[in-house]
Amino acid sequence: MQTSWDRTLSSTSSALATTVTHDVGLLVLRLVVGLTMAGHGTMKLFGWFGGPGLTATGKGFSMAGYPAGDAMAVIAGLSETLGGLGLALGLLTPLAGAALTGVFINILDVRGFDAYFPPKGVELEVVLFASVIALTLTGPGRYAADHYLPVLRASRPRYSLIALLVGAVVGFLVLLIRD
């Protein structure tokens, strides 16, 4: 016969296992999405991983109708690199989410929605963007630098929503300066 003590232990261990798997899942998602974005940023900034580097990326921004293509390349590269690293580390997650939100709004606008699937589709960008939004809203979990910053834990929902809103507003403002 199971005692109330046994039921409490069983319930507690089940809740703990759920919390651990939840936090490990967030860690995996943060690492994959964050490092992917950081990699894309370093491709723009430094030409790493076979990327174009700043000069070619700047020309691409100019061809896409952005003024000061070189400056836009630096802004995009830094946003992707620092936002991605912040997301991967779970460090200032709302700020990382804001930076990447602005990036994705511009990416999706430039790429267009002519097709969702390859060869000219935006499905990868949509999945990455949805992951950034989800991580910003849920928070990075216990295995993150933000876990040790009490001010961010206490107000996470408010900061997350404000950050996504700021990232979206800035992203759309940048779109307004395109030709």
N, C-alpha and C. Protein backbone atom coordinates (compact mmCIF):
# COMPACT_ATOMS: atom_id res chain seq x y z
N MET A 1 0.84 -1.18 0.00
CA MET A 1 0.00 0.00 0.00
C MET A 1 0.88 1.25 0.00
N GLN A 2 0.54 2.19 -0.86
CA GLN A 2 1.35 3.39 -1.01
C GLN A 2 0.91 4.43 0.03
N THR A 3 1.88 4.97 0.74
CA THR A 3 1.59 5.99 1.74
C THR A 3 1.58 7.37 1.10
N SER A 4 1.12 8.35 1.86
CA SER A 4 1.11 9.71 1.33
C SER A 4 2.54 10.19 1.08
N TRP A 5 3.48 9.72 1.91
CA TRP A 5 4.89 10.05 1.73
C TRP A 5 5.40 9.53 0.38
N ASP A 6 5.02 8.28 0.04
CA ASP A 6 5.43 7.70 -1.23
C ASP A 6 4.83 8.47 -2.41
N ARG A 7 3.56 8.86 -2.27
CA ARG A 7 2.92 9.62 -3.34
C ARG A 7 3.60 10.98 -3.50
N THR A 8 3.97 11.62 -2.40
CA THR A 8 4.65 12.91 -2.46
C THR A 8 6.00 12.78 -3.14
N LEU A 9 6.77 11.74 -2.76
CA LEU A 9 8.07 11.51 -3.40
C LEU A 9 7.92 11.24 -4.88
N SER A 10 6.95 10.43 -5.24
CA SER A 10 6.71 10.10 -6.65
C SER A 10 6.33 11.35 -7.43
N SER A 11 5.46 12.16 -6.88
CA SER A 11 5.03 13.38 -7.53
C SER A 11 6.19 14.37 -7.66
N THR A 12 7.00 14.50 -6.62
CA THR A 12 8.13 15.41 -6.64
C THR A 12 9.17 14.98 -7.66
N SER A 13 9.49 13.71 -7.71
CA SER A 13 10.49 13.24 -8.67
C SER A 13 9.98 13.37 -10.09
N SER A 14 8.70 13.19 -10.31
CA SER A 14 8.12 13.37 -11.64
C SER A 14 8.18 14.83 -12.06
N ALA A 15 7.86 15.74 -11.15
CA ALA A 15 7.92 17.18 -11.45
C ALA A 15 9.36 17.60 -11.71
N LEU A 16 10.32 17.08 -10.92
CA LEU A 16 11.72 17.41 -11.11
C LEU A 16 12.21 16.92 -12.46
N ALA A 17 11.83 15.70 -12.84
CA ALA A 17 12.24 15.16 -14.13
C ALA A 17 11.68 16.01 -15.27
N THR A 18 10.43 16.45 -15.13
CA THR A 18 9.83 17.30 -16.15
C THR A 18 10.57 18.62 -16.25
N THR A 19 10.92 19.22 -15.13
CA THR A 19 11.65 20.48 -15.13
C THR A 19 13.03 20.31 -15.75
N VAL A 20 13.72 19.24 -15.41
CA VAL A 20 15.06 19.01 -15.96
C VAL A 20 14.98 18.82 -17.47
N THR A 21 14.06 18.00 -17.94
CA THR A 21 13.96 17.79 -19.39
C THR A 21 13.55 19.07 -20.11
N HIS A 22 12.70 19.86 -19.47
CA HIS A 22 12.30 21.16 -20.04
C HIS A 22 13.53 22.06 -20.20
N ASP A 23 14.34 22.16 -19.16
CA ASP A 23 15.51 23.02 -19.20
C ASP A 23 16.58 22.50 -20.16
N VAL A 24 16.75 21.20 -20.24
CA VAL A 24 17.70 20.63 -21.21
C VAL A 24 17.20 20.89 -22.64
N GLY A 25 15.90 20.76 -22.84
CA GLY A 25 15.33 21.06 -24.16
C GLY A 25 15.57 22.50 -24.57
N LEU A 26 15.36 23.43 -23.63
CA LEU A 26 15.64 24.84 -23.92
C LEU A 26 17.12 25.07 -24.22
N LEU A 27 17.99 24.40 -23.46
CA LEU A 27 19.43 24.52 -23.69
C LEU A 27 19.80 24.06 -25.10
N VAL A 28 19.30 22.93 -25.51
CA VAL A 28 19.60 22.41 -26.85
C VAL A 28 19.10 23.39 -27.91
N LEU A 29 17.88 23.85 -27.76
CA LEU A 29 17.32 24.79 -28.75
C LEU A 29 18.12 26.09 -28.78
N ARG A 30 18.47 26.61 -27.60
CA ARG A 30 19.26 27.85 -27.54
C ARG A 30 20.60 27.68 -28.22
N LEU A 31 21.28 26.56 -27.95
CA LEU A 31 22.60 26.35 -28.54
C LEU A 31 22.53 26.24 -30.06
N VAL A 32 21.58 25.48 -30.56
CA VAL A 32 21.49 25.29 -32.01
C VAL A 32 21.10 26.58 -32.71
N VAL A 33 20.04 27.23 -32.25
CA VAL A 33 19.57 28.46 -32.90
C VAL A 33 20.58 29.58 -32.69
N GLY A 34 21.06 29.75 -31.47
CA GLY A 34 21.99 30.83 -31.17
C GLY A 34 23.30 30.71 -31.93
N LEU A 35 23.88 29.51 -31.94
CA LEU A 35 25.15 29.34 -32.64
C LEU A 35 24.97 29.41 -34.16
N THR A 36 23.81 29.00 -34.66
CA THR A 36 23.53 29.16 -36.09
C THR A 36 23.52 30.64 -36.45
N MET A 37 22.84 31.44 -35.64
CA MET A 37 22.77 32.87 -35.93
C MET A 37 24.13 33.54 -35.75
N ALA A 38 24.86 33.16 -34.72
CA ALA A 38 26.20 33.73 -34.52
C ALA A 38 27.10 33.36 -35.70
N GLY A 39 26.98 32.15 -36.19
CA GLY A 39 27.76 31.73 -37.37
C GLY A 39 27.43 32.57 -38.58
N HIS A 40 26.15 32.84 -38.80
CA HIS A 40 25.75 33.69 -39.93
C HIS A 40 26.31 35.10 -39.78
N GLY A 41 26.32 35.59 -38.55
CA GLY A 41 26.87 36.92 -38.32
C GLY A 41 28.35 36.99 -38.61
N THR A 42 29.10 35.96 -38.19
CA THR A 42 30.55 35.96 -38.46
C THR A 42 30.85 35.76 -39.94
N MET A 43 29.94 35.13 -40.66
CA MET A 43 30.10 35.03 -42.11
C MET A 43 30.07 36.42 -42.73
N LYS A 44 29.15 37.25 -42.25
CA LYS A 44 29.04 38.61 -42.76
C LYS A 44 30.22 39.47 -42.32
N LEU A 45 30.57 39.39 -41.05
CA LEU A 45 31.61 40.26 -40.50
C LEU A 45 33.02 39.89 -40.94
N PHE A 46 33.33 38.60 -40.90
CA PHE A 46 34.72 38.16 -41.08
C PHE A 46 34.94 37.21 -42.25
N GLY A 47 33.88 36.82 -42.93
CA GLY A 47 34.01 35.87 -44.02
C GLY A 47 34.25 34.45 -43.54
N TRP A 48 34.00 34.19 -42.26
CA TRP A 48 34.21 32.84 -41.71
C TRP A 48 33.20 31.87 -42.31
N PHE A 49 33.51 30.60 -42.24
CA PHE A 49 32.62 29.52 -42.71
C PHE A 49 32.24 29.69 -44.17
N GLY A 50 33.14 30.26 -44.94
CA GLY A 50 32.87 30.44 -46.37
C GLY A 50 31.97 31.62 -46.67
N GLY A 51 31.80 32.51 -45.70
CA GLY A 51 30.92 33.66 -45.88
C GLY A 51 31.53 34.74 -46.76
N PRO A 52 30.72 35.72 -47.13
CA PRO A 52 31.16 36.74 -48.06
C PRO A 52 32.05 37.83 -47.45
N GLY A 53 32.01 38.04 -46.13
CA GLY A 53 32.76 39.13 -45.52
C GLY A 53 32.02 40.45 -45.65
N LEU A 54 32.60 41.48 -45.05
CA LEU A 54 31.91 42.78 -44.98
C LEU A 54 31.73 43.46 -46.33
N THR A 55 32.74 43.44 -47.15
CA THR A 55 32.65 44.17 -48.42
C THR A 55 31.54 43.61 -49.30
N ALA A 56 31.54 42.31 -49.50
CA ALA A 56 30.51 41.69 -50.34
C ALA A 56 29.13 41.79 -49.69
N THR A 57 29.07 41.64 -48.37
CA THR A 57 27.78 41.75 -47.67
C THR A 57 27.25 43.17 -47.80
N GLY A 58 28.14 44.17 -47.69
CA GLY A 58 27.73 45.56 -47.87
C GLY A 58 27.17 45.82 -49.26
N LYS A 59 27.82 45.25 -50.26
CA LYS A 59 27.31 45.38 -51.64
C LYS A 59 25.93 44.74 -51.77
N GLY A 60 25.77 43.59 -51.12
CA GLY A 60 24.46 42.93 -51.14
C GLY A 60 23.37 43.79 -50.50
N PHE A 61 23.70 44.45 -49.40
CA PHE A 61 22.73 45.35 -48.77
C PHE A 61 22.40 46.52 -49.68
N SER A 62 23.41 47.07 -50.33
CA SER A 62 23.17 48.18 -51.26
C SER A 62 22.27 47.73 -52.41
N MET A 63 22.53 46.55 -52.96
CA MET A 63 21.71 46.02 -54.06
C MET A 63 20.28 45.75 -53.61
N ALA A 64 20.09 45.45 -52.31
CA ALA A 64 18.75 45.20 -51.79
C ALA A 64 18.01 46.49 -51.47
N GLY A 65 18.68 47.65 -51.69
CA GLY A 65 18.01 48.92 -51.51
C GLY A 65 18.28 49.63 -50.20
N TYR A 66 19.19 49.10 -49.40
CA TYR A 66 19.53 49.77 -48.14
C TYR A 66 20.57 50.85 -48.41
N PRO A 67 20.41 52.03 -47.80
CA PRO A 67 21.48 53.03 -47.93
C PRO A 67 22.65 52.61 -47.05
N ALA A 68 23.82 53.07 -47.37
CA ALA A 68 25.02 52.77 -46.58
C ALA A 68 25.16 51.26 -46.34
N GLY A 69 25.29 50.55 -47.43
CA GLY A 69 25.34 49.09 -47.38
C GLY A 69 26.40 48.54 -46.43
N ASP A 70 27.57 49.18 -46.40
CA ASP A 70 28.63 48.71 -45.51
C ASP A 70 28.23 48.84 -44.04
N ALA A 71 27.60 49.97 -43.70
CA ALA A 71 27.15 50.16 -42.31
C ALA A 71 26.05 49.15 -41.97
N MET A 72 25.17 48.90 -42.91
CA MET A 72 24.10 47.93 -42.67
C MET A 72 24.68 46.52 -42.50
N ALA A 73 25.75 46.22 -43.24
CA ALA A 73 26.40 44.92 -43.10
C ALA A 73 26.98 44.75 -41.70
N VAL A 74 27.58 45.80 -41.17
CA VAL A 74 28.14 45.75 -39.82
C VAL A 74 27.01 45.59 -38.80
N ILE A 75 25.95 46.35 -38.95
CA ILE A 75 24.82 46.27 -38.02
C ILE A 75 24.20 44.87 -38.05
N ALA A 76 23.96 44.36 -39.24
CA ALA A 76 23.37 43.02 -39.35
C ALA A 76 24.32 41.96 -38.79
N GLY A 77 25.60 42.06 -39.15
CA GLY A 77 26.57 41.08 -38.66
C GLY A 77 26.70 41.09 -37.15
N LEU A 78 26.75 42.28 -36.56
CA LEU A 78 26.84 42.38 -35.09
C LEU A 78 25.55 41.90 -34.43
N SER A 79 24.41 42.25 -35.01
CA SER A 79 23.12 41.81 -34.45
C SER A 79 23.03 40.29 -34.44
N GLU A 80 23.42 39.68 -35.55
CA GLU A 80 23.36 38.22 -35.63
C GLU A 80 24.39 37.57 -34.72
N THR A 81 25.61 38.09 -34.71
CA THR A 81 26.67 37.49 -33.89
C THR A 81 26.38 37.64 -32.41
N LEU A 82 26.16 38.86 -31.97
CA LEU A 82 25.93 39.11 -30.54
C LEU A 82 24.58 38.57 -30.08
N GLY A 83 23.56 38.74 -30.91
CA GLY A 83 22.24 38.18 -30.56
C GLY A 83 22.30 36.66 -30.48
N GLY A 84 22.99 36.05 -31.43
CA GLY A 84 23.12 34.59 -31.42
C GLY A 84 23.90 34.09 -30.23
N LEU A 85 25.01 34.76 -29.91
CA LEU A 85 25.80 34.34 -28.75
C LEU A 85 25.01 34.55 -27.45
N GLY A 86 24.30 35.66 -27.36
CA GLY A 86 23.46 35.90 -26.19
C GLY A 86 22.40 34.82 -26.02
N LEU A 87 21.79 34.45 -27.14
CA LEU A 87 20.78 33.39 -27.09
C LEU A 87 21.42 32.06 -26.69
N ALA A 88 22.55 31.72 -27.28
CA ALA A 88 23.21 30.45 -26.98
C ALA A 88 23.61 30.35 -25.51
N LEU A 89 24.12 31.45 -24.97
CA LEU A 89 24.54 31.46 -23.57
C LEU A 89 23.39 31.66 -22.61
N GLY A 90 22.25 32.10 -23.13
CA GLY A 90 21.14 32.45 -22.26
C GLY A 90 21.49 33.70 -21.48
N LEU A 91 22.19 34.61 -22.12
CA LEU A 91 22.65 35.85 -21.48
C LEU A 91 21.88 37.03 -22.07
N LEU A 92 21.17 37.73 -21.21
CA LEU A 92 20.33 38.85 -21.65
C LEU A 92 19.41 38.41 -22.78
N THR A 93 18.73 37.32 -22.55
CA THR A 93 17.89 36.69 -23.57
C THR A 93 16.89 37.65 -24.22
N PRO A 94 16.20 38.51 -23.46
CA PRO A 94 15.27 39.43 -24.14
C PRO A 94 15.99 40.36 -25.12
N LEU A 95 17.16 40.83 -24.75
CA LEU A 95 17.92 41.71 -25.64
C LEU A 95 18.38 40.95 -26.89
N ALA A 96 18.85 39.72 -26.71
CA ALA A 96 19.24 38.88 -27.85
C ALA A 96 18.05 38.65 -28.76
N GLY A 97 16.89 38.38 -28.17
CA GLY A 97 15.66 38.18 -28.95
C GLY A 97 15.28 39.43 -29.73
N ALA A 98 15.46 40.60 -29.12
CA ALA A 98 15.15 41.87 -29.81
C ALA A 98 16.06 42.06 -31.02
N ALA A 99 17.36 41.83 -30.82
CA ALA A 99 18.31 42.00 -31.92
C ALA A 99 17.97 41.07 -33.09
N LEU A 100 17.68 39.82 -32.77
CA LEU A 100 17.41 38.86 -33.83
C LEU A 100 16.03 39.08 -34.46
N THR A 101 15.10 39.61 -33.71
CA THR A 101 13.78 39.92 -34.29
C THR A 101 13.92 40.98 -35.38
N GLY A 102 14.68 42.03 -35.11
CA GLY A 102 14.90 43.05 -36.13
C GLY A 102 15.57 42.48 -37.37
N VAL A 103 16.52 41.59 -37.16
CA VAL A 103 17.21 40.94 -38.28
C VAL A 103 16.22 40.14 -39.12
N PHE A 104 15.42 39.30 -38.45
CA PHE A 104 14.51 38.43 -39.21
C PHE A 104 13.42 39.19 -39.94
N ILE A 105 12.95 40.28 -39.38
CA ILE A 105 11.95 41.09 -40.10
C ILE A 105 12.53 41.57 -41.42
N ASN A 106 13.78 41.99 -41.39
CA ASN A 106 14.42 42.45 -42.62
C ASN A 106 14.73 41.30 -43.57
N ILE A 107 15.20 40.18 -43.03
CA ILE A 107 15.48 39.02 -43.88
C ILE A 107 14.23 38.59 -44.63
N LEU A 108 13.14 38.45 -43.90
CA LEU A 108 11.91 37.96 -44.52
C LEU A 108 11.37 38.95 -45.53
N ASP A 109 11.53 40.24 -45.28
CA ASP A 109 11.06 41.23 -46.24
C ASP A 109 11.90 41.18 -47.52
N VAL A 110 13.22 41.11 -47.36
CA VAL A 110 14.10 41.08 -48.53
C VAL A 110 13.89 39.80 -49.33
N ARG A 111 13.80 38.66 -48.63
CA ARG A 111 13.62 37.37 -49.32
C ARG A 111 12.24 37.28 -49.96
N GLY A 112 11.26 37.91 -49.36
CA GLY A 112 9.90 37.86 -49.89
C GLY A 112 9.22 36.54 -49.56
N PHE A 113 7.96 36.48 -49.87
CA PHE A 113 7.16 35.29 -49.57
C PHE A 113 6.61 34.66 -50.84
N ASP A 114 7.42 34.73 -51.89
CA ASP A 114 6.98 34.14 -53.15
C ASP A 114 6.82 32.62 -53.02
N ALA A 115 7.66 32.02 -52.21
CA ALA A 115 7.61 30.57 -52.01
C ALA A 115 7.99 30.27 -50.57
N TYR A 116 7.35 29.28 -50.02
CA TYR A 116 7.69 28.88 -48.66
C TYR A 116 8.79 27.82 -48.66
N PHE A 117 8.71 26.88 -49.60
CA PHE A 117 9.67 25.77 -49.65
C PHE A 117 10.75 26.02 -50.69
N PRO A 118 11.87 25.28 -50.61
CA PRO A 118 12.98 25.44 -51.56
C PRO A 118 12.52 25.27 -53.00
N PRO A 119 13.25 25.81 -53.93
CA PRO A 119 14.60 26.34 -53.79
C PRO A 119 14.64 27.81 -53.36
N LYS A 120 13.55 28.54 -53.46
CA LYS A 120 13.58 29.97 -53.11
C LYS A 120 12.70 30.28 -51.90
N GLY A 121 12.46 29.29 -51.08
CA GLY A 121 11.56 29.46 -49.96
C GLY A 121 12.20 30.08 -48.74
N VAL A 122 11.35 30.41 -47.79
CA VAL A 122 11.78 31.06 -46.54
C VAL A 122 11.51 30.18 -45.33
N GLU A 123 11.31 28.89 -45.56
CA GLU A 123 10.92 28.01 -44.44
C GLU A 123 11.97 27.97 -43.33
N LEU A 124 13.24 27.95 -43.67
CA LEU A 124 14.29 27.92 -42.65
C LEU A 124 14.28 29.21 -41.82
N GLU A 125 14.15 30.34 -42.49
CA GLU A 125 14.10 31.62 -41.79
C GLU A 125 12.89 31.69 -40.86
N VAL A 126 11.75 31.20 -41.32
CA VAL A 126 10.54 31.22 -40.50
C VAL A 126 10.71 30.34 -39.26
N VAL A 127 11.30 29.16 -39.43
CA VAL A 127 11.52 28.27 -38.28
C VAL A 127 12.50 28.87 -37.29
N LEU A 128 13.59 29.45 -37.79
CA LEU A 128 14.55 30.10 -36.89
C LEU A 128 13.92 31.29 -36.16
N PHE A 129 13.15 32.09 -36.88
CA PHE A 129 12.49 33.24 -36.27
C PHE A 129 11.48 32.80 -35.21
N ALA A 130 10.71 31.78 -35.52
CA ALA A 130 9.75 31.27 -34.53
C ALA A 130 10.48 30.74 -33.29
N SER A 131 11.63 30.13 -33.49
CA SER A 131 12.43 29.64 -32.36
C SER A 131 12.94 30.80 -31.51
N VAL A 132 13.37 31.87 -32.15
CA VAL A 132 13.84 33.05 -31.41
C VAL A 132 12.70 33.63 -30.59
N ILE A 133 11.53 33.76 -31.19
CA ILE A 133 10.37 34.29 -30.47
C ILE A 133 10.02 33.39 -29.29
N ALA A 134 9.98 32.09 -29.53
CA ALA A 134 9.63 31.14 -28.46
C ALA A 134 10.63 31.21 -27.32
N LEU A 135 11.91 31.25 -27.63
CA LEU A 135 12.93 31.32 -26.58
C LEU A 135 12.88 32.64 -25.83
N THR A 136 12.58 33.71 -26.53
CA THR A 136 12.47 35.01 -25.86
C THR A 136 11.28 35.01 -24.90
N LEU A 137 10.17 34.43 -25.32
CA LEU A 137 8.97 34.41 -24.48
C LEU A 137 9.08 33.43 -23.32
N THR A 138 9.64 32.26 -23.54
CA THR A 138 9.71 31.26 -22.47
C THR A 138 10.87 31.51 -21.53
N GLY A 139 11.90 32.19 -22.01
CA GLY A 139 13.11 32.36 -21.22
C GLY A 139 14.06 31.22 -21.50
N PRO A 140 15.30 31.36 -21.06
CA PRO A 140 16.35 30.42 -21.44
C PRO A 140 16.40 29.15 -20.59
N GLY A 141 15.66 29.08 -19.50
CA GLY A 141 15.73 27.91 -18.63
C GLY A 141 16.79 28.07 -17.55
N ARG A 142 16.94 27.01 -16.75
CA ARG A 142 17.88 27.07 -15.62
C ARG A 142 19.33 27.01 -16.04
N TYR A 143 19.63 26.36 -17.15
CA TYR A 143 21.03 26.19 -17.57
C TYR A 143 21.44 27.34 -18.47
N ALA A 144 21.36 28.55 -17.91
CA ALA A 144 21.63 29.76 -18.68
C ALA A 144 22.18 30.83 -17.76
N ALA A 145 22.91 31.77 -18.34
CA ALA A 145 23.46 32.88 -17.55
C ALA A 145 22.35 33.71 -16.92
N ASP A 146 21.23 33.89 -17.63
CA ASP A 146 20.12 34.68 -17.09
C ASP A 146 19.55 34.11 -15.80
N HIS A 147 19.71 32.82 -15.60
CA HIS A 147 19.21 32.18 -14.38
C HIS A 147 19.86 32.80 -13.15
N TYR A 148 21.05 33.34 -13.31
CA TYR A 148 21.79 33.93 -12.21
C TYR A 148 21.63 35.44 -12.12
N LEU A 149 20.77 36.01 -12.97
CA LEU A 149 20.47 37.44 -12.94
C LEU A 149 19.04 37.61 -12.44
N PRO A 150 18.85 37.77 -11.14
CA PRO A 150 17.50 37.78 -10.56
C PRO A 150 16.56 38.83 -11.17
N VAL A 151 17.08 39.98 -11.56
CA VAL A 151 16.21 41.01 -12.11
C VAL A 151 15.54 40.53 -13.39
N LEU A 152 16.24 39.73 -14.18
CA LEU A 152 15.64 39.21 -15.41
C LEU A 152 14.64 38.10 -15.13
N ARG A 153 14.91 37.29 -14.12
CA ARG A 153 13.96 36.22 -13.78
C ARG A 153 12.67 36.79 -13.24
N ALA A 154 12.75 37.84 -12.44
CA ALA A 154 11.57 38.38 -11.79
C ALA A 154 10.60 39.02 -12.78
N SER A 155 11.11 39.63 -13.83
CA SER A 155 10.26 40.37 -14.76
C SER A 155 10.31 39.82 -16.18
N ARG A 156 10.65 38.55 -16.32
CA ARG A 156 10.86 38.00 -17.65
C ARG A 156 9.69 38.21 -18.61
N PRO A 157 8.45 37.94 -18.23
CA PRO A 157 7.37 38.13 -19.23
C PRO A 157 7.30 39.57 -19.74
N ARG A 158 7.42 40.51 -18.84
CA ARG A 158 7.33 41.92 -19.25
C ARG A 158 8.52 42.28 -20.14
N TYR A 159 9.75 41.92 -19.74
CA TYR A 159 10.93 42.23 -20.53
C TYR A 159 10.89 41.52 -21.88
N SER A 160 10.41 40.31 -21.89
CA SER A 160 10.36 39.55 -23.14
C SER A 160 9.43 40.20 -24.15
N LEU A 161 8.25 40.59 -23.69
CA LEU A 161 7.30 41.22 -24.60
C LEU A 161 7.80 42.58 -25.07
N ILE A 162 8.36 43.36 -24.16
CA ILE A 162 8.90 44.67 -24.53
C ILE A 162 10.04 44.50 -25.53
N ALA A 163 10.92 43.54 -25.29
CA ALA A 163 12.06 43.32 -26.19
C ALA A 163 11.59 42.93 -27.59
N LEU A 164 10.63 42.02 -27.68
CA LEU A 164 10.13 41.62 -29.00
C LEU A 164 9.46 42.80 -29.70
N LEU A 165 8.74 43.61 -28.96
CA LEU A 165 8.10 44.79 -29.54
C LEU A 165 9.15 45.78 -30.04
N VAL A 166 10.17 46.05 -29.23
CA VAL A 166 11.24 46.98 -29.64
C VAL A 166 11.97 46.43 -30.87
N GLY A 167 12.29 45.13 -30.86
CA GLY A 167 12.96 44.53 -32.01
C GLY A 167 12.13 44.64 -33.28
N ALA A 168 10.82 44.44 -33.16
CA ALA A 168 9.94 44.54 -34.32
C ALA A 168 9.85 45.99 -34.82
N VAL A 169 9.71 46.94 -33.91
CA VAL A 169 9.62 48.35 -34.31
C VAL A 169 10.91 48.78 -35.01
N VAL A 170 12.05 48.44 -34.43
CA VAL A 170 13.33 48.81 -35.05
C VAL A 170 13.48 48.12 -36.40
N GLY A 171 13.12 46.85 -36.47
CA GLY A 171 13.20 46.12 -37.74
C GLY A 171 12.36 46.78 -38.82
N PHE A 172 11.13 47.19 -38.48
CA PHE A 172 10.28 47.85 -39.46
C PHE A 172 10.78 49.26 -39.80
N LEU A 173 11.36 49.96 -38.83
CA LEU A 173 11.94 51.28 -39.13
C LEU A 173 13.09 51.16 -40.12
N VAL A 174 13.90 50.13 -39.96
CA VAL A 174 15.00 49.91 -40.91
C VAL A 174 14.44 49.64 -42.31
N LEU A 175 13.35 48.90 -42.36
CA LEU A 175 12.74 48.63 -43.67
C LEU A 175 12.28 49.92 -44.34
N LEU A 176 11.87 50.89 -43.56
CA LEU A 176 11.39 52.15 -44.13
C LEU A 176 12.48 52.95 -44.84
N ILE A 177 13.75 52.70 -44.49
CA ILE A 177 14.82 53.45 -45.14
C ILE A 177 15.30 52.78 -46.43
N ARG A 178 14.76 51.59 -46.71
CA ARG A 178 15.12 50.95 -47.97
C ARG A 178 14.48 51.67 -49.14
N ASP A 179 15.15 51.63 -50.29
CA ASP A 179 14.59 52.23 -51.51
C ASP A 179 13.41 51.44 -51.99
